[in-house]
Amino acid sequence: MNINFWYSLFSQSRRGFLSPTSVLNKLRNISSGVVSLGNHCNSMQGPGIIPGETYYPRSEYKSTRCYQGQVKAVIFDWAGTVVDCGVLAPALTFCELFKNEGVCITEEEARGPMGTHKRVHIKKILENASVQQQWVKVHGKTVTEEDIDRMYKEFSPTILSCLHKYSNIIDGVVDTVKELRRAYGIKIGSTTGFPKEILQTLLRISESQGYVPEANVAADEVPEARPCPYMVWTCAMRLGVHPIEAVIKVDDTVDGIREGLSAGCWTIAVAKTSNYMGLTEQQLDDLSQLELKQKLGHAYEILINSGAHYVVNTVVELPLVIKDINRRLAGGEKP
């Protein structure tokens, strides 16, 4: 049997001219020699096989690819993660939008869907029974898609009017990002529930404070925003990073963590500066130890239940977590 036989057999089967059964029959008709392809296909006598014929069973093992490298990229959220400790700007903006419609919502109601596309956020607030009752009382009818569109149209100009006031980089973020780049060679990206117009403003403000991600994706740049995975995937492509197991998503909201989980990457939730604490850095400093412990425990519970791989107080703790993820990757673990 020569190489021409094998080339002919291989090319015909690849082009669909031979079925697996035909290939097996051809091999069985080989008059000389026994073919062995290592662990993938071993020649042996099988039950019911006529003596002298060759039996080619499926292997009991399957080869799989397993990434064992290190973390290549970290994709950050914005408000509550790297800027605007406590997520004040969006929360106050939603309260203002509803106030302009004659409907008063609580800060808790405003924060509930935080992390989603802002039109979706408005719609989810309006699904609250008490908000619906107020709306009908004021407007004399149930809310319509046109109402949601009108409110969403006002979101950007409303938040832009106060964004500079609530866009300070959270303490320790700039130095931590520098360490990730210097010590680990990690690329930095960002995704956000904000539309591109607001993201561009955030980028200009953050650049002046020393924080500049290499790739950024806004909610209106993808078919569906959080908790779908498209922003993370788009950001990873813009960063030129793969596989997805080498990527970490860092966020302070449930939908932001779900975004990372659905994308297939590692997720780290930030609790102390998050939407679920809702406090500025000064307000955090003013809390008693007991108050801080109680509020922080509540935030941790929400974020742990979101499915996050890790929950930390702030972004400053990332280097320690990345060391552990690198250890797990080296051992063949996946997110």
Protein backbone atom coordinates (compact mmCIF):
# COMPACT_ATOMS: atom_id res chain seq x y z
CA MET A 1 0.00 0.00 0.00
CA ASN A 2 1.55 3.36 -1.05
CA ILE A 3 1.03 7.01 -0.30
CA ASN A 4 -1.11 7.51 -3.40
CA PHE A 5 -3.76 5.22 -1.90
CA TRP A 6 -3.94 7.26 1.29
CA TYR A 7 -3.97 10.58 -0.57
CA SER A 8 -6.82 9.41 -2.79
CA LEU A 9 -8.79 8.09 0.17
CA PHE A 10 -8.28 11.27 2.19
CA SER A 11 -9.16 13.68 -0.64
CA GLN A 12 -12.30 11.78 -1.63
CA SER A 13 -13.61 11.63 1.93
CA ARG A 14 -12.84 15.33 2.49
CA ARG A 15 -14.78 16.30 -0.63
CA GLY A 16 -17.76 14.21 0.36
CA PHE A 17 -17.33 11.57 -2.35
CA LEU A 18 -16.95 8.83 0.24
CA SER A 19 -19.13 8.25 3.26
CA PRO A 20 -17.61 7.01 6.53
CA THR A 21 -19.00 3.56 5.71
CA SER A 22 -17.28 3.58 2.31
CA VAL A 23 -14.00 4.59 3.90
CA LEU A 24 -14.33 1.75 6.42
CA ASN A 25 -15.07 -0.77 3.67
CA LYS A 26 -12.05 0.36 1.66
CA LEU A 27 -9.85 -0.04 4.70
CA ARG A 28 -11.24 -3.48 5.40
CA ASN A 29 -10.36 -4.53 1.86
CA ILE A 30 -6.70 -3.69 2.33
CA SER A 31 -4.91 -6.99 1.80
CA SER A 32 -1.62 -6.25 3.47
CA GLY A 33 -0.58 -4.69 6.76
CA VAL A 34 -2.46 -3.37 9.76
CA VAL A 35 -2.95 0.39 10.07
CA SER A 36 -2.52 2.08 13.46
CA LEU A 37 -3.25 5.77 14.04
CA GLY A 38 -2.09 5.96 17.64
CA ASN A 39 -4.78 6.54 20.24
CA HIS A 40 -7.30 7.80 17.72
CA CYS A 41 -7.88 4.58 15.76
CA ASN A 42 -6.45 1.25 16.83
CA SER A 43 -6.66 -1.99 14.86
CA MET A 44 -8.22 -4.82 16.82
CA GLN A 45 -10.49 -7.84 16.55
CA GLY A 46 -14.04 -6.85 17.49
CA PRO A 47 -17.08 -8.95 18.34
CA GLY A 48 -18.86 -10.38 15.35
CA ILE A 49 -15.96 -9.59 13.02
CA ILE A 50 -14.90 -12.35 10.64
CA PRO A 51 -11.38 -13.57 11.52
CA GLY A 52 -8.78 -11.80 9.43
CA GLU A 53 -10.81 -8.59 9.06
CA THR A 54 -9.78 -5.33 10.75
CA TYR A 55 -12.02 -3.48 13.25
CA TYR A 56 -11.75 0.32 13.74
CA PRO A 57 -13.64 1.44 16.86
CA ARG A 58 -14.15 4.99 18.03
CA SER A 59 -11.61 6.04 20.62
CA GLU A 60 -12.81 6.13 24.23
CA TYR A 61 -11.08 9.49 24.62
CA LYS A 62 -11.58 12.87 22.94
CA SER A 63 -8.89 15.52 22.56
CA THR A 64 -9.85 19.05 23.65
CA ARG A 65 -8.05 22.38 23.47
CA CYS A 66 -7.33 23.98 26.83
CA TYR A 67 -5.97 27.51 27.26
CA GLN A 68 -3.24 27.55 29.91
CA GLY A 69 -1.82 31.01 29.33
CA GLN A 70 -2.35 34.15 31.39
CA VAL A 71 -4.93 36.93 31.52
CA LYS A 72 -4.53 39.19 28.48
CA ALA A 73 -7.22 41.84 28.94
CA VAL A 74 -9.45 43.44 31.56
CA ILE A 75 -12.69 45.07 30.40
CA PHE A 76 -14.05 47.60 32.88
CA ASP A 77 -17.47 49.10 33.38
CA TRP A 78 -17.58 52.85 34.02
CA ALA A 79 -19.89 54.33 36.70
CA GLY A 80 -19.44 52.61 40.06
CA THR A 81 -16.36 50.73 38.85
CA VAL A 82 -13.77 53.26 37.68
CA VAL A 83 -15.62 56.61 37.93
CA ASP A 84 -18.55 58.11 39.87
CA CYS A 85 -18.33 56.20 43.15
CA GLY A 86 -21.87 55.22 44.12
CA VAL A 87 -23.26 55.76 40.58
CA LEU A 88 -24.79 59.15 41.35
CA ALA A 89 -25.05 60.62 37.84
CA PRO A 90 -27.34 57.94 36.31
CA ALA A 91 -29.47 57.52 39.45
CA LEU A 92 -30.14 61.27 39.76
CA THR A 93 -30.79 61.54 36.04
CA PHE A 94 -33.52 58.88 36.09
CA CYS A 95 -35.15 60.56 39.08
CA GLU A 96 -35.10 63.85 37.17
CA LEU A 97 -36.55 62.30 34.01
CA PHE A 98 -39.52 60.88 35.88
CA LYS A 99 -40.00 64.06 37.87
CA ASN A 100 -40.34 65.93 34.57
CA GLU A 101 -43.15 63.51 33.69
CA GLY A 102 -44.95 64.27 36.96
CA VAL A 103 -43.99 60.91 38.49
CA CYS A 104 -41.83 60.68 41.61
CA ILE A 105 -39.64 57.59 41.91
CA THR A 106 -37.35 56.61 44.76
CA GLU A 107 -33.59 56.34 44.34
CA GLU A 108 -33.93 52.59 44.94
CA GLU A 109 -36.40 52.32 42.05
CA ALA A 110 -34.06 54.37 39.87
CA ARG A 111 -31.12 52.09 40.68
CA GLY A 112 -32.92 48.75 40.21
CA PRO A 113 -32.11 48.07 36.52
CA MET A 114 -28.69 49.79 36.62
CA GLY A 115 -26.20 48.49 34.08
CA THR A 116 -28.69 47.93 31.26
CA HIS A 117 -29.13 49.98 28.09
CA LYS A 118 -30.70 53.23 29.24
CA ARG A 119 -33.88 52.84 27.20
CA VAL A 120 -34.32 49.37 28.69
CA HIS A 121 -33.61 50.92 32.10
CA ILE A 122 -36.48 53.40 31.69
CA LYS A 123 -38.82 50.64 30.53
CA LYS A 124 -37.95 48.43 33.51
CA ILE A 125 -38.63 51.27 35.98
CA LEU A 126 -42.02 51.72 34.36
CA GLU A 127 -42.77 48.03 34.94
CA ASN A 128 -42.82 48.73 38.68
CA ALA A 129 -46.45 48.57 39.89
CA SER A 130 -46.29 51.76 42.01
CA VAL A 131 -44.68 53.71 39.17
CA GLN A 132 -47.35 52.47 36.75
CA GLN A 133 -50.10 53.61 39.12
CA GLN A 134 -48.58 57.08 39.38
CA TRP A 135 -48.20 57.27 35.62
CA VAL A 136 -51.86 56.42 34.96
CA LYS A 137 -52.98 58.90 37.62
CA VAL A 138 -50.93 61.72 36.06
CA HIS A 139 -51.34 60.91 32.36
CA GLY A 140 -54.73 59.21 32.35
CA LYS A 141 -53.40 56.23 30.37
CA THR A 142 -50.84 53.48 30.54
CA VAL A 143 -47.32 54.15 29.30
CA THR A 144 -46.63 53.66 25.58
CA GLU A 145 -43.48 52.99 23.55
CA GLU A 146 -43.67 56.60 22.38
CA ASP A 147 -43.49 57.74 26.03
CA ILE A 148 -40.39 55.60 26.59
CA ASP A 149 -38.78 56.93 23.42
CA ARG A 150 -39.47 60.51 24.51
CA MET A 151 -37.91 59.96 27.93
CA TYR A 152 -34.90 58.18 26.46
CA LYS A 153 -34.37 61.08 24.06
CA GLU A 154 -34.06 63.35 27.10
CA PHE A 155 -31.63 61.06 28.94
CA SER A 156 -28.42 62.17 27.22
CA PRO A 157 -28.88 65.96 27.54
CA THR A 158 -30.02 65.53 31.17
CA ILE A 159 -27.04 63.45 32.28
CA LEU A 160 -24.55 65.50 30.25
CA SER A 161 -25.59 68.56 32.22
CA CYS A 162 -24.25 66.96 35.43
CA LEU A 163 -21.70 64.44 34.15
CA HIS A 164 -18.62 66.55 34.91
CA LYS A 165 -19.71 66.80 38.54
CA TYR A 166 -19.90 63.01 38.91
CA SER A 167 -17.02 61.76 36.75
CA ASN A 168 -14.09 61.73 39.13
CA ILE A 169 -11.88 58.65 38.80
CA ILE A 170 -12.27 56.47 41.91
CA ASP A 171 -9.22 56.43 44.20
CA GLY A 172 -6.61 53.86 43.21
CA VAL A 173 -7.97 53.10 39.73
CA VAL A 174 -5.27 54.91 37.73
CA ASP A 175 -2.38 53.34 39.68
CA THR A 176 -3.96 49.87 39.51
CA VAL A 177 -4.43 50.08 35.75
CA LYS A 178 -0.79 51.16 35.37
CA GLU A 179 0.27 48.11 37.40
CA LEU A 180 -1.84 45.76 35.28
CA ARG A 181 -0.19 47.08 32.13
CA ARG A 182 3.35 47.17 33.51
CA ALA A 183 3.49 43.97 35.59
CA TYR A 184 1.15 41.72 33.58
CA GLY A 185 1.13 43.20 30.06
CA ILE A 186 -2.66 43.41 30.24
CA LYS A 187 -4.73 45.40 27.74
CA ILE A 188 -7.53 47.61 29.07
CA GLY A 189 -10.98 47.95 27.54
CA SER A 190 -14.39 49.24 28.60
CA THR A 191 -18.08 48.63 28.03
CA THR A 192 -21.00 50.73 29.24
CA GLY A 193 -24.77 50.93 29.35
CA PHE A 194 -24.41 54.56 28.18
CA PRO A 195 -24.87 55.52 24.50
CA LYS A 196 -21.79 56.46 22.47
CA GLU A 197 -22.37 60.21 22.87
CA ILE A 198 -21.98 59.96 26.66
CA LEU A 199 -19.09 57.49 26.39
CA GLN A 200 -17.13 59.98 24.28
CA THR A 201 -17.63 62.65 26.95
CA LEU A 202 -16.54 60.21 29.67
CA LEU A 203 -13.40 59.35 27.69
CA ARG A 204 -12.42 63.03 27.40
CA ILE A 205 -12.95 63.59 31.13
CA SER A 206 -11.12 60.40 32.19
CA GLU A 207 -8.17 61.08 29.88
CA SER A 208 -7.50 64.32 31.73
CA GLN A 209 -7.31 62.25 34.94
CA GLY A 210 -4.93 59.62 33.54
CA TYR A 211 -7.32 56.79 32.65
CA VAL A 212 -7.34 55.81 28.95
CA PRO A 213 -8.66 52.38 27.87
CA GLU A 214 -7.38 51.05 24.54
CA ALA A 215 -10.83 49.97 23.28
CA ASN A 216 -14.33 51.07 24.25
CA VAL A 217 -17.85 49.91 23.34
CA ALA A 218 -21.13 51.72 24.03
CA ALA A 219 -24.56 50.14 24.40
CA ASP A 220 -25.87 51.55 21.12
CA GLU A 221 -22.99 50.01 19.10
CA VAL A 222 -24.24 46.42 19.40
CA PRO A 223 -27.48 44.56 18.54
CA GLU A 224 -28.32 44.08 22.24
CA ALA A 225 -26.58 45.44 25.30
CA ARG A 226 -26.28 43.86 28.75
CA PRO A 227 -26.80 41.17 29.84
CA CYS A 228 -26.06 39.93 26.32
CA PRO A 229 -22.36 39.32 25.53
CA TYR A 230 -21.95 41.45 22.40
CA MET A 231 -20.18 44.44 23.98
CA VAL A 232 -17.55 42.22 25.61
CA TRP A 233 -16.98 40.30 22.38
CA THR A 234 -16.73 43.51 20.35
CA CYS A 235 -14.31 45.02 22.87
CA ALA A 236 -12.14 41.86 22.83
CA MET A 237 -11.99 42.04 19.03
CA ARG A 238 -11.01 45.71 19.11
CA LEU A 239 -8.29 44.86 21.64
CA GLY A 240 -7.13 41.97 19.44
CA VAL A 241 -7.38 39.53 22.35
CA HIS A 242 -8.35 35.86 22.38
CA PRO A 243 -9.38 33.34 23.66
CA ILE A 244 -12.24 34.64 25.76
CA GLU A 245 -10.87 32.70 28.75
CA ALA A 246 -8.00 35.21 28.79
CA VAL A 247 -10.41 38.11 29.39
CA ILE A 248 -11.80 39.49 32.68
CA LYS A 249 -14.97 41.60 32.95
CA VAL A 250 -15.08 43.96 35.95
CA ASP A 251 -18.44 45.51 36.88
CA ASP A 252 -20.52 46.77 39.81
CA THR A 253 -23.97 45.62 38.64
CA VAL A 254 -25.76 42.30 38.24
CA ASP A 255 -26.38 42.83 34.52
CA GLY A 256 -22.74 43.79 34.02
CA ILE A 257 -21.60 40.53 35.62
CA ARG A 258 -24.13 38.58 33.56
CA GLU A 259 -22.71 40.27 30.47
CA GLY A 260 -19.30 38.81 31.28
CA LEU A 261 -20.68 35.38 32.17
CA SER A 262 -22.66 35.13 28.93
CA ALA A 263 -19.53 36.15 27.01
CA GLY A 264 -17.61 33.26 28.59
CA CYS A 265 -14.96 35.26 30.44
CA TRP A 266 -13.94 35.63 34.09
CA THR A 267 -15.98 38.13 36.11
CA ILE A 268 -15.01 40.30 39.07
CA ALA A 269 -17.68 42.30 40.88
CA VAL A 270 -16.83 45.54 42.70
CA ALA A 271 -18.97 46.09 45.82
CA LYS A 272 -17.84 49.10 47.88
CA THR A 273 -18.06 51.72 45.11
CA SER A 274 -21.08 50.08 43.49
CA ASN A 275 -24.62 51.00 42.61
CA TYR A 276 -25.79 48.86 45.55
CA MET A 277 -23.91 51.03 48.04
CA GLY A 278 -24.96 54.26 46.32
CA LEU A 279 -22.50 56.41 48.28
CA THR A 280 -19.72 58.80 47.32
CA GLU A 281 -16.21 58.24 48.68
CA GLN A 282 -16.77 60.98 51.24
CA GLN A 283 -20.05 59.41 52.36
CA LEU A 284 -18.32 56.03 52.68
CA ASP A 285 -15.65 57.60 54.89
CA ASP A 286 -18.35 59.12 57.10
CA LEU A 287 -20.02 55.77 57.84
CA SER A 288 -19.44 54.03 61.13
CA GLN A 289 -17.77 50.63 60.96
CA LEU A 290 -21.09 48.93 61.77
CA GLU A 291 -22.98 50.86 59.06
CA LEU A 292 -20.28 50.12 56.51
CA LYS A 293 -20.28 46.42 57.37
CA GLN A 294 -24.06 46.17 57.05
CA LYS A 295 -24.32 48.03 53.75
CA LEU A 296 -21.28 46.26 52.30
CA GLY A 297 -22.70 42.89 53.31
CA HIS A 298 -25.90 43.70 51.37
CA ALA A 299 -23.91 44.66 48.26
CA TYR A 300 -21.78 41.51 48.49
CA GLU A 301 -24.87 39.32 48.76
CA ILE A 302 -26.38 40.80 45.58
CA LEU A 303 -23.16 40.47 43.59
CA ILE A 304 -22.33 36.97 44.83
CA ASN A 305 -25.82 35.88 43.78
CA SER A 306 -25.20 37.36 40.33
CA GLY A 307 -22.75 34.51 39.70
CA ALA A 308 -19.53 36.57 39.78
CA HIS A 309 -16.35 34.50 40.04
CA TYR A 310 -14.93 37.01 42.54
CA VAL A 311 -16.31 39.92 44.57
CA VAL A 312 -13.92 42.61 45.85
CA ASN A 313 -14.27 45.96 47.60
CA THR A 314 -12.61 48.07 44.90
CA VAL A 315 -10.58 47.85 41.70
CA VAL A 316 -7.41 48.20 43.81
CA GLU A 317 -7.69 44.49 44.73
CA LEU A 318 -7.51 43.31 41.11
CA PRO A 319 -3.80 42.36 40.97
CA LEU A 320 -4.26 39.75 43.71
CA VAL A 321 -7.30 38.29 41.94
CA ILE A 322 -5.49 38.19 38.59
CA LYS A 323 -2.66 36.19 40.18
CA ASP A 324 -5.23 33.63 41.31
CA ILE A 325 -6.92 33.52 37.90
CA ASN A 326 -3.53 33.00 36.22
CA ARG A 327 -2.92 30.10 38.62
CA ARG A 328 -6.28 28.57 37.75
CA LEU A 329 -5.71 29.02 34.00
CA ALA A 330 -2.31 27.31 34.27
CA GLY A 331 -4.08 24.35 35.86
CA GLY A 332 -6.48 24.09 32.91
CA GLU A 333 -9.51 25.72 34.56
CA LYS A 334 -12.07 27.63 32.52
CA PRO A 335 -14.38 30.46 33.71
